[in-house]
Amino acid sequence: MPTLYVRDVPPDVVETLKERASATGMSLSAYVVGELRRIAERPTNEEIVARLQDLDRRNGPSTDEILAALSDSRP
């Protein structure tokens, strides 16, 4: 498994990460790896847009249906 070195991490950030790791019963390294994994698994904005563009919208409501629902929901 590769090793990642992170430089210039502010001391207050390190302290916060240590506290959070300790609170979960994890080592600092294990905690940070988990956080990095969580970040890496999150889709980018470009991936979200691509997924939305690929959706089949043929069975969705029409523009008129959406506008009517909005109009009906307003006092």
N, C-alpha and C. Protein backbone atom coordinates (compact mmCIF):
# COMPACT_ATOMS: atom_id res chain seq x y z
N MET A 1 0.85 -1.17 0.00
CA MET A 1 0.00 0.00 0.00
C MET A 1 0.89 1.24 0.00
N PRO A 2 0.58 2.19 -0.85
CA PRO A 2 1.40 3.40 -0.92
C PRO A 2 1.32 4.23 0.36
N THR A 3 2.33 5.04 0.56
CA THR A 3 2.38 5.94 1.70
C THR A 3 2.19 7.36 1.19
N LEU A 4 1.41 8.12 1.93
CA LEU A 4 1.14 9.51 1.56
C LEU A 4 1.66 10.40 2.68
N TYR A 5 2.50 11.34 2.32
CA TYR A 5 3.01 12.31 3.29
C TYR A 5 2.33 13.64 3.02
N VAL A 6 1.85 14.26 4.07
CA VAL A 6 1.20 15.56 3.93
C VAL A 6 2.01 16.58 4.71
N ARG A 7 2.45 17.61 4.02
CA ARG A 7 3.27 18.64 4.65
C ARG A 7 2.46 19.86 4.99
N ASP A 8 2.99 20.64 5.89
CA ASP A 8 2.44 21.95 6.24
C ASP A 8 1.01 21.88 6.78
N VAL A 9 0.70 20.83 7.52
CA VAL A 9 -0.61 20.74 8.16
C VAL A 9 -0.57 21.61 9.41
N PRO A 10 -1.47 22.57 9.52
CA PRO A 10 -1.46 23.46 10.68
C PRO A 10 -1.62 22.67 12.00
N PRO A 11 -0.94 23.09 13.03
CA PRO A 11 -1.01 22.37 14.31
C PRO A 11 -2.42 22.20 14.85
N ASP A 12 -3.28 23.21 14.67
CA ASP A 12 -4.65 23.08 15.18
C ASP A 12 -5.43 22.00 14.43
N VAL A 13 -5.15 21.84 13.14
CA VAL A 13 -5.79 20.78 12.36
C VAL A 13 -5.32 19.42 12.84
N VAL A 14 -4.03 19.28 13.08
CA VAL A 14 -3.48 18.02 13.58
C VAL A 14 -4.11 17.68 14.92
N GLU A 15 -4.22 18.66 15.80
CA GLU A 15 -4.79 18.43 17.13
C GLU A 15 -6.25 17.99 17.02
N THR A 16 -7.01 18.64 16.17
CA THR A 16 -8.41 18.26 15.97
C THR A 16 -8.53 16.83 15.46
N LEU A 17 -7.69 16.48 14.48
CA LEU A 17 -7.72 15.12 13.93
C LEU A 17 -7.33 14.10 14.99
N LYS A 18 -6.34 14.42 15.81
CA LYS A 18 -5.94 13.52 16.89
C LYS A 18 -7.08 13.30 17.87
N GLU A 19 -7.77 14.38 18.23
CA GLU A 19 -8.88 14.29 19.17
C GLU A 19 -10.01 13.44 18.60
N ARG A 20 -10.33 13.64 17.33
CA ARG A 20 -11.40 12.88 16.70
C ARG A 20 -11.03 11.41 16.58
N ALA A 21 -9.78 11.14 16.23
CA ALA A 21 -9.31 9.75 16.14
C ALA A 21 -9.41 9.08 17.50
N SER A 22 -8.96 9.77 18.52
CA SER A 22 -8.98 9.23 19.88
C SER A 22 -10.42 8.96 20.33
N ALA A 23 -11.32 9.86 19.99
CA ALA A 23 -12.72 9.71 20.39
C ALA A 23 -13.38 8.50 19.75
N THR A 24 -12.87 8.08 18.60
CA THR A 24 -13.43 6.91 17.92
C THR A 24 -12.62 5.65 18.19
N GLY A 25 -11.57 5.79 19.02
CA GLY A 25 -10.74 4.63 19.34
C GLY A 25 -9.83 4.20 18.21
N MET A 26 -9.50 5.14 17.34
CA MET A 26 -8.65 4.84 16.19
C MET A 26 -7.32 5.56 16.31
N SER A 27 -6.34 5.04 15.59
CA SER A 27 -5.08 5.78 15.49
C SER A 27 -5.29 6.97 14.56
N LEU A 28 -4.42 7.94 14.66
CA LEU A 28 -4.51 9.10 13.78
C LEU A 28 -4.45 8.66 12.33
N SER A 29 -3.52 7.77 12.02
CA SER A 29 -3.35 7.29 10.65
C SER A 29 -4.61 6.62 10.13
N ALA A 30 -5.21 5.72 10.93
CA ALA A 30 -6.42 5.01 10.50
C ALA A 30 -7.58 5.99 10.31
N TYR A 31 -7.68 6.95 11.21
CA TYR A 31 -8.75 7.93 11.11
C TYR A 31 -8.62 8.75 9.83
N VAL A 32 -7.40 9.23 9.56
CA VAL A 32 -7.18 10.06 8.37
C VAL A 32 -7.40 9.24 7.09
N VAL A 33 -6.99 7.99 7.08
CA VAL A 33 -7.23 7.14 5.90
C VAL A 33 -8.74 7.00 5.67
N GLY A 34 -9.50 6.81 6.74
CA GLY A 34 -10.95 6.72 6.61
C GLY A 34 -11.57 7.99 6.05
N GLU A 35 -11.09 9.13 6.52
CA GLU A 35 -11.59 10.41 6.02
C GLU A 35 -11.20 10.61 4.56
N LEU A 36 -9.99 10.26 4.20
CA LEU A 36 -9.57 10.38 2.79
C LEU A 36 -10.39 9.45 1.89
N ARG A 37 -10.67 8.25 2.38
CA ARG A 37 -11.49 7.31 1.61
C ARG A 37 -12.89 7.91 1.38
N ARG A 38 -13.46 8.49 2.44
CA ARG A 38 -14.79 9.09 2.34
C ARG A 38 -14.79 10.22 1.30
N ILE A 39 -13.75 11.03 1.32
CA ILE A 39 -13.64 12.12 0.35
C ILE A 39 -13.49 11.58 -1.07
N ALA A 40 -12.66 10.57 -1.23
CA ALA A 40 -12.40 10.01 -2.56
C ALA A 40 -13.63 9.33 -3.15
N GLU A 41 -14.50 8.79 -2.30
CA GLU A 41 -15.69 8.09 -2.78
C GLU A 41 -16.81 9.05 -3.17
N ARG A 42 -16.72 10.28 -2.73
CA ARG A 42 -17.75 11.27 -3.04
C ARG A 42 -17.61 11.68 -4.51
N PRO A 43 -18.71 11.69 -5.26
CA PRO A 43 -18.61 12.06 -6.68
C PRO A 43 -18.27 13.55 -6.86
N THR A 44 -17.57 13.83 -7.94
CA THR A 44 -17.27 15.22 -8.27
C THR A 44 -18.52 15.89 -8.85
N ASN A 45 -18.51 17.20 -8.93
CA ASN A 45 -19.63 17.91 -9.55
C ASN A 45 -19.82 17.46 -10.99
N GLU A 46 -18.72 17.24 -11.70
CA GLU A 46 -18.80 16.81 -13.09
C GLU A 46 -19.46 15.43 -13.19
N GLU A 47 -19.16 14.53 -12.26
CA GLU A 47 -19.78 13.20 -12.27
C GLU A 47 -21.27 13.28 -11.97
N ILE A 48 -21.64 14.16 -11.06
CA ILE A 48 -23.06 14.34 -10.74
C ILE A 48 -23.81 14.89 -11.94
N VAL A 49 -23.25 15.87 -12.61
CA VAL A 49 -23.89 16.45 -13.80
C VAL A 49 -24.03 15.38 -14.87
N ALA A 50 -23.00 14.59 -15.09
CA ALA A 50 -23.07 13.53 -16.11
C ALA A 50 -24.17 12.53 -15.78
N ARG A 51 -24.29 12.15 -14.51
CA ARG A 51 -25.35 11.22 -14.10
C ARG A 51 -26.72 11.82 -14.35
N LEU A 52 -26.87 13.09 -14.01
CA LEU A 52 -28.16 13.75 -14.22
C LEU A 52 -28.51 13.85 -15.70
N GLN A 53 -27.51 14.09 -16.53
CA GLN A 53 -27.76 14.19 -17.96
C GLN A 53 -28.12 12.84 -18.56
N ASP A 54 -27.68 11.76 -17.94
CA ASP A 54 -27.95 10.42 -18.45
C ASP A 54 -29.31 9.88 -18.01
N LEU A 55 -29.98 10.58 -17.09
CA LEU A 55 -31.27 10.09 -16.60
C LEU A 55 -32.32 10.11 -17.70
N ASP A 56 -33.17 9.08 -17.70
CA ASP A 56 -34.28 9.00 -18.64
C ASP A 56 -35.45 9.79 -18.05
N ARG A 57 -35.79 10.88 -18.67
CA ARG A 57 -36.83 11.75 -18.14
C ARG A 57 -38.15 11.63 -18.89
N ARG A 58 -38.28 10.62 -19.74
CA ARG A 58 -39.49 10.50 -20.55
C ARG A 58 -40.75 10.27 -19.71
N ASN A 59 -40.61 9.63 -18.55
CA ASN A 59 -41.77 9.35 -17.72
C ASN A 59 -41.97 10.38 -16.61
N GLY A 60 -41.20 11.43 -16.64
CA GLY A 60 -41.31 12.46 -15.62
C GLY A 60 -42.43 13.44 -15.93
N PRO A 61 -42.71 14.35 -15.03
CA PRO A 61 -43.78 15.33 -15.26
C PRO A 61 -43.39 16.33 -16.34
N SER A 62 -44.40 16.84 -17.00
CA SER A 62 -44.17 17.86 -18.03
C SER A 62 -43.95 19.21 -17.35
N THR A 63 -43.48 20.16 -18.13
CA THR A 63 -43.29 21.51 -17.61
C THR A 63 -44.60 22.08 -17.10
N ASP A 64 -45.68 21.86 -17.85
CA ASP A 64 -47.00 22.37 -17.43
C ASP A 64 -47.44 21.73 -16.12
N GLU A 65 -47.19 20.44 -15.93
CA GLU A 65 -47.55 19.76 -14.68
C GLU A 65 -46.76 20.32 -13.50
N ILE A 66 -45.49 20.60 -13.71
CA ILE A 66 -44.65 21.17 -12.66
C ILE A 66 -45.15 22.56 -12.28
N LEU A 67 -45.42 23.38 -13.28
CA LEU A 67 -45.91 24.75 -13.02
C LEU A 67 -47.27 24.73 -12.32
N ALA A 68 -48.15 23.80 -12.71
CA ALA A 68 -49.45 23.69 -12.06
C ALA A 68 -49.31 23.27 -10.61
N ALA A 69 -48.41 22.32 -10.34
CA ALA A 69 -48.18 21.88 -8.96
C ALA A 69 -47.63 23.02 -8.11
N LEU A 70 -46.72 23.80 -8.68
CA LEU A 70 -46.18 24.96 -7.95
C LEU A 70 -47.29 25.97 -7.67
N SER A 71 -48.11 26.22 -8.67
CA SER A 71 -49.19 27.19 -8.51
C SER A 71 -50.18 26.72 -7.46
N ASP A 72 -50.51 25.42 -7.46
CA ASP A 72 -51.46 24.87 -6.49
C ASP A 72 -50.92 24.89 -5.07
N SER A 73 -49.60 24.85 -4.93
CA SER A 73 -49.01 24.80 -3.59
C SER A 73 -48.86 26.17 -2.94
N ARG A 74 -49.08 27.20 -3.70
CA ARG A 74 -48.94 28.56 -3.18
C ARG A 74 -50.29 29.09 -2.71
N PRO A 75 -50.27 29.83 -1.61
CA PRO A 75 -51.56 30.37 -1.08
C PRO A 75 -52.15 31.44 -1.96
